[in-house]
């Protein structure tokens, strides 16, 4: 699942193991529990930051569709509901957040990374990939305000969503999706720690920080509570096509 460790004023949330870190109810609940711990330990008299990273080849390969698509929608809607709650937790978290992407981040895994304030990525391996189009899966409506908040160019929105381009670290930096890219895992995490320490030294009020973030993402937050536009709800055939590509 995941672990949470605190080193000084920086929390490290790590997706553990060597699997694809696909987002299912168990993993999402584990991440949310870690964020709840961060929230409970942050006080008005201390400044902190959160770094999220992952072990193995993947940062996250998106929803656990093999588990979700066996019942024509109910499981997928459960994952969607829990994931939207996780996104809300991140946006409301009273500390700066940094994603240190040391492997592939696809579909909802890409979105999970985008929900952090800063993104750092290794450039020697791994890519960002909105795979939905390639696997025959329509993206949920609430992805749109997030992409528009995080990615400044309509040309890049098109490249990410309508061309399903696999973006390396350098490509993602060039397109303004990732803040910086590094030669390997250690360099990426070290850069995230350096940034985290710089942010901690600013000694911002966490409640104010979270409030500013919520203002930036108000359109996204308004969509999170009710949007269930996820997956295929017709006959079984689209789901079979999707499963065949996983």
Protein backbone atom coordinates (compact mmCIF):
# COMPACT_ATOMS: atom_id res chain seq x y z
CA UNK A 1 0.00 0.00 0.00
CA UNK A 2 1.81 3.11 1.24
CA UNK A 3 3.95 4.35 4.10
CA UNK A 4 4.22 7.73 5.76
CA UNK A 5 7.47 8.91 7.32
CA UNK A 6 8.39 12.29 8.77
CA UNK A 7 11.95 13.58 8.49
CA UNK A 8 12.27 16.90 10.20
CA UNK A 9 9.42 19.01 8.86
CA UNK A 10 8.91 16.99 5.68
CA UNK A 11 6.43 14.13 5.34
CA UNK A 12 7.29 11.36 2.85
CA UNK A 13 4.33 9.41 1.45
CA UNK A 14 5.65 6.41 -0.48
CA UNK A 15 3.63 3.94 -2.55
CA UNK A 16 5.36 0.70 -1.62
CA UNK A 17 6.16 -2.49 -3.51
CA UNK A 18 7.05 -3.21 -7.10
CA UNK A 19 3.59 -3.47 -8.66
CA UNK A 20 1.87 -0.83 -10.79
CA UNK A 21 0.29 1.00 -7.82
CA UNK A 22 -3.07 0.85 -9.53
CA UNK A 23 -5.70 2.89 -7.73
CA UNK A 24 -8.26 0.64 -6.09
CA UNK A 25 -10.28 1.21 -2.89
CA UNK A 26 -7.60 -0.30 -0.65
CA UNK A 27 -4.75 1.83 -2.00
CA UNK A 28 -6.85 5.00 -2.09
CA UNK A 29 -7.98 4.43 1.50
CA UNK A 30 -4.36 3.88 2.54
CA UNK A 31 -3.24 7.14 0.93
CA UNK A 32 -6.16 9.05 2.46
CA UNK A 33 -5.31 7.67 5.90
CA UNK A 34 -1.74 8.93 5.47
CA UNK A 35 -3.00 12.39 4.47
CA UNK A 36 -5.30 12.40 7.50
CA UNK A 37 -2.24 11.74 9.66
CA UNK A 38 -0.40 14.64 8.04
CA UNK A 39 -3.36 16.93 8.65
CA UNK A 40 -3.63 15.85 12.30
CA UNK A 41 0.07 16.43 12.97
CA UNK A 42 0.36 19.84 11.35
CA UNK A 43 0.00 22.71 13.81
CA UNK A 44 -0.25 26.44 13.37
CA UNK A 45 3.15 26.84 15.04
CA UNK A 46 5.04 24.62 12.59
CA UNK A 47 5.61 24.61 8.85
CA UNK A 48 5.70 21.36 6.87
CA UNK A 49 5.66 19.93 3.34
CA UNK A 50 4.62 16.62 1.79
CA UNK A 51 6.57 14.65 -0.81
CA UNK A 52 4.79 11.78 -2.58
CA UNK A 53 6.83 9.17 -4.43
CA UNK A 54 6.70 5.47 -5.27
CA UNK A 55 8.85 2.38 -5.31
CA UNK A 56 9.40 0.32 -8.45
CA UNK A 57 8.81 1.00 -12.12
CA UNK A 58 5.52 2.87 -11.71
CA UNK A 59 4.40 5.98 -9.87
CA UNK A 60 0.84 4.84 -10.58
CA UNK A 61 -0.69 3.15 -13.60
CA UNK A 62 -4.15 4.56 -12.99
CA UNK A 63 -7.38 2.87 -11.92
CA UNK A 64 -7.36 -0.85 -11.19
CA UNK A 65 -9.59 -1.56 -14.19
CA UNK A 66 -9.23 -5.35 -14.11
CA UNK A 67 -10.88 -5.25 -10.70
CA UNK A 68 -13.30 -2.46 -11.56
CA UNK A 69 -14.80 -3.57 -14.87
CA UNK A 70 -16.20 -6.95 -13.86
CA UNK A 71 -19.63 -5.60 -12.87
CA UNK A 72 -20.48 -3.02 -15.56
CA UNK A 73 -19.87 0.11 -13.53
CA UNK A 74 -20.54 -0.21 -9.79
CA UNK A 75 -16.94 -0.92 -8.79
CA UNK A 76 -15.64 1.73 -11.16
CA UNK A 77 -17.96 4.32 -9.66
CA UNK A 78 -16.74 3.32 -6.20
CA UNK A 79 -13.14 3.91 -7.26
CA UNK A 80 -14.13 7.20 -8.88
CA UNK A 81 -15.90 8.39 -5.73
CA UNK A 82 -12.98 7.46 -3.49
CA UNK A 83 -10.42 8.97 -5.87
CA UNK A 84 -12.34 12.24 -6.05
CA UNK A 85 -12.30 12.30 -2.24
CA UNK A 86 -8.54 11.77 -2.36
CA UNK A 87 -8.16 14.68 -4.78
CA UNK A 88 -10.21 16.85 -2.42
CA UNK A 89 -8.00 15.78 0.49
CA UNK A 90 -4.89 16.87 -1.40
CA UNK A 91 -6.35 20.23 -2.36
CA UNK A 92 -7.43 20.86 1.24
CA UNK A 93 -4.17 19.68 2.81
CA UNK A 94 -2.61 22.54 4.83
CA UNK A 95 0.94 21.99 3.56
CA UNK A 96 2.71 22.41 0.19
CA UNK A 97 2.76 19.14 -1.78
CA UNK A 98 5.40 17.79 -4.15
CA UNK A 99 5.16 14.74 -6.42
CA UNK A 100 8.54 13.10 -7.06
CA UNK A 101 7.73 10.92 -10.07
CA UNK A 102 10.31 8.17 -10.37
CA UNK A 103 8.34 5.93 -12.77
CA UNK A 104 5.39 5.84 -15.16
CA UNK A 105 2.30 7.88 -14.26
CA UNK A 106 -0.67 6.96 -16.44
CA UNK A 107 -4.34 8.00 -16.60
CA UNK A 108 -5.60 8.54 -13.02
CA UNK A 109 -2.00 8.08 -11.87
CA UNK A 110 -1.11 11.09 -14.02
CA UNK A 111 -4.03 12.97 -12.48
CA UNK A 112 -2.89 12.01 -8.98
CA UNK A 113 0.50 13.56 -9.73
CA UNK A 114 -1.14 16.71 -11.15
CA UNK A 115 -3.01 17.23 -7.88
CA UNK A 116 0.27 18.12 -6.16
CA UNK A 117 1.50 21.71 -6.08
CA UNK A 118 4.85 20.84 -7.67
CA UNK A 119 5.93 17.94 -9.87
CA UNK A 120 9.48 16.68 -10.30
CA UNK A 121 10.28 13.77 -12.57
CA UNK A 122 13.18 11.60 -13.57
CA UNK A 123 14.11 11.98 -17.22
CA UNK A 124 16.03 8.76 -17.80
CA UNK A 125 12.97 6.51 -17.41
CA UNK A 126 9.21 6.77 -17.13
CA UNK A 127 6.57 8.90 -18.79
CA UNK A 128 3.33 10.78 -18.19
CA UNK A 129 0.54 9.26 -20.26
CA UNK A 130 -3.19 9.97 -20.42
CA UNK A 131 -3.93 6.50 -21.76
CA UNK A 132 -7.74 6.70 -21.80
CA UNK A 133 -8.08 7.28 -25.54
CA UNK A 134 -5.77 4.38 -26.40
CA UNK A 135 -7.69 1.92 -24.22
CA UNK A 136 -11.13 3.10 -25.37
CA UNK A 137 -12.08 4.93 -22.19
CA UNK A 138 -13.69 8.39 -22.00
CA UNK A 139 -12.08 10.69 -19.43
CA UNK A 140 -14.35 11.95 -16.63
CA UNK A 141 -15.62 15.51 -16.89
CA UNK A 142 -13.82 16.60 -13.72
CA UNK A 143 -10.43 15.87 -15.29
CA UNK A 144 -11.00 18.91 -17.54
CA UNK A 145 -10.84 21.71 -14.94
CA UNK A 146 -7.80 20.04 -13.37
CA UNK A 147 -5.95 19.87 -16.69
CA UNK A 148 -6.85 23.47 -17.47
CA UNK A 149 -5.57 24.62 -14.07
CA UNK A 150 -2.34 22.68 -14.36
CA UNK A 151 -1.56 22.81 -18.08
CA UNK A 152 -1.54 26.27 -19.61
CA UNK A 153 -1.74 25.60 -23.34
CA UNK A 154 -4.75 24.32 -25.32
CA UNK A 155 -2.25 22.75 -27.72
CA UNK A 156 -0.87 20.70 -24.82
CA UNK A 157 -4.38 19.74 -23.66
CA UNK A 158 -4.91 18.35 -27.15
CA UNK A 159 -1.57 16.55 -27.13
CA UNK A 160 -2.23 15.00 -23.72
CA UNK A 161 -5.89 14.01 -24.16
CA UNK A 162 -6.59 13.77 -27.90
CA UNK A 163 -3.24 12.36 -29.02
CA UNK A 164 -2.44 10.36 -25.85
CA UNK A 165 1.22 11.35 -26.16
CA UNK A 166 3.66 9.64 -23.81
CA UNK A 167 5.66 12.45 -22.27
CA UNK A 168 9.17 11.94 -20.95
CA UNK A 169 10.48 14.13 -18.16
CA UNK A 170 12.15 16.56 -20.57
CA UNK A 171 9.03 16.74 -22.76
CA UNK A 172 6.84 17.40 -19.72
CA UNK A 173 9.13 20.21 -18.54
CA UNK A 174 9.09 21.77 -22.01
CA UNK A 175 5.27 21.74 -21.99
CA UNK A 176 5.01 23.25 -18.52
CA UNK A 177 3.49 20.18 -16.87
CA UNK A 178 6.52 19.26 -14.75
CA UNK A 179 8.64 21.78 -12.87
CA UNK A 180 11.97 20.03 -13.41
CA UNK A 181 13.48 16.70 -14.48
CA UNK A 182 16.53 14.81 -13.23
CA UNK A 183 18.84 11.97 -14.21
CA UNK A 184 17.57 9.30 -11.82
CA UNK A 185 15.58 8.37 -8.74
CA UNK A 186 18.01 9.73 -6.17
CA UNK A 187 18.44 13.04 -7.97
CA UNK A 188 14.67 13.46 -8.32
CA UNK A 189 13.96 12.79 -4.65
CA UNK A 190 16.88 14.97 -3.54
CA UNK A 191 15.53 17.86 -5.62
CA UNK A 192 12.09 17.35 -4.08
CA UNK A 193 13.60 17.46 -0.59
CA UNK A 194 15.52 20.64 -1.41
CA UNK A 195 12.33 22.30 -2.65
CA UNK A 196 10.41 21.04 0.37
CA UNK A 197 12.97 22.54 2.71
CA UNK A 198 12.79 25.87 0.87
CA UNK A 199 9.00 25.91 1.21
CA UNK A 200 9.14 24.97 4.89
CA UNK A 201 11.46 27.90 5.57
CA UNK A 202 8.78 30.29 4.34
CA UNK A 203 6.78 29.44 7.50
CA UNK A 204 3.41 29.94 5.85
CA UNK A 205 0.21 29.45 7.79
CA UNK A 206 -1.12 26.08 6.62
CA UNK A 207 -4.77 27.07 6.79
CA UNK A 208 -4.12 30.13 4.64
CA UNK A 209 -2.04 28.07 2.20
CA UNK A 210 -4.86 25.53 1.77
CA UNK A 211 -7.36 28.35 1.37
CA UNK A 212 -5.35 29.91 -1.45
CA UNK A 213 -5.09 26.53 -3.15
CA UNK A 214 -8.84 25.95 -2.87
CA UNK A 215 -9.47 29.33 -4.48
CA UNK A 216 -7.27 28.36 -7.44
CA UNK A 217 -9.12 25.07 -7.91
CA UNK A 218 -12.66 26.16 -7.07
CA UNK A 219 -14.03 24.98 -10.44
CA UNK A 220 -12.50 21.55 -9.89
CA UNK A 221 -13.79 21.34 -6.32
CA UNK A 222 -17.29 22.16 -7.52
CA UNK A 223 -17.16 19.14 -9.86
CA UNK A 224 -15.73 16.62 -7.41
CA UNK A 225 -18.81 16.08 -5.28
CA UNK A 226 -21.27 15.01 -7.96
CA UNK A 227 -19.43 14.00 -11.14
CA UNK A 228 -19.86 10.29 -11.90
CA UNK A 229 -19.02 10.50 -15.60
CA UNK A 230 -16.58 7.63 -15.54
CA UNK A 231 -16.31 4.53 -17.68
CA UNK A 232 -18.58 2.82 -20.21
CA UNK A 233 -22.21 2.21 -19.31
CA UNK A 234 -23.55 0.55 -22.42
CA UNK A 235 -23.27 -3.15 -23.20
CA UNK A 236 -20.28 -5.23 -22.19
CA UNK A 237 -18.35 -4.84 -25.42
CA UNK A 238 -16.51 -1.56 -24.63
CA UNK A 239 -15.37 -3.00 -21.30
CA UNK A 240 -14.07 -6.13 -23.03
CA UNK A 241 -12.09 -3.97 -25.44
CA UNK A 242 -10.66 -1.98 -22.55
CA UNK A 243 -9.68 -5.10 -20.60
CA UNK A 244 -7.98 -6.59 -23.65
CA UNK A 245 -5.60 -3.60 -23.77
CA UNK A 246 -4.59 -3.68 -20.11
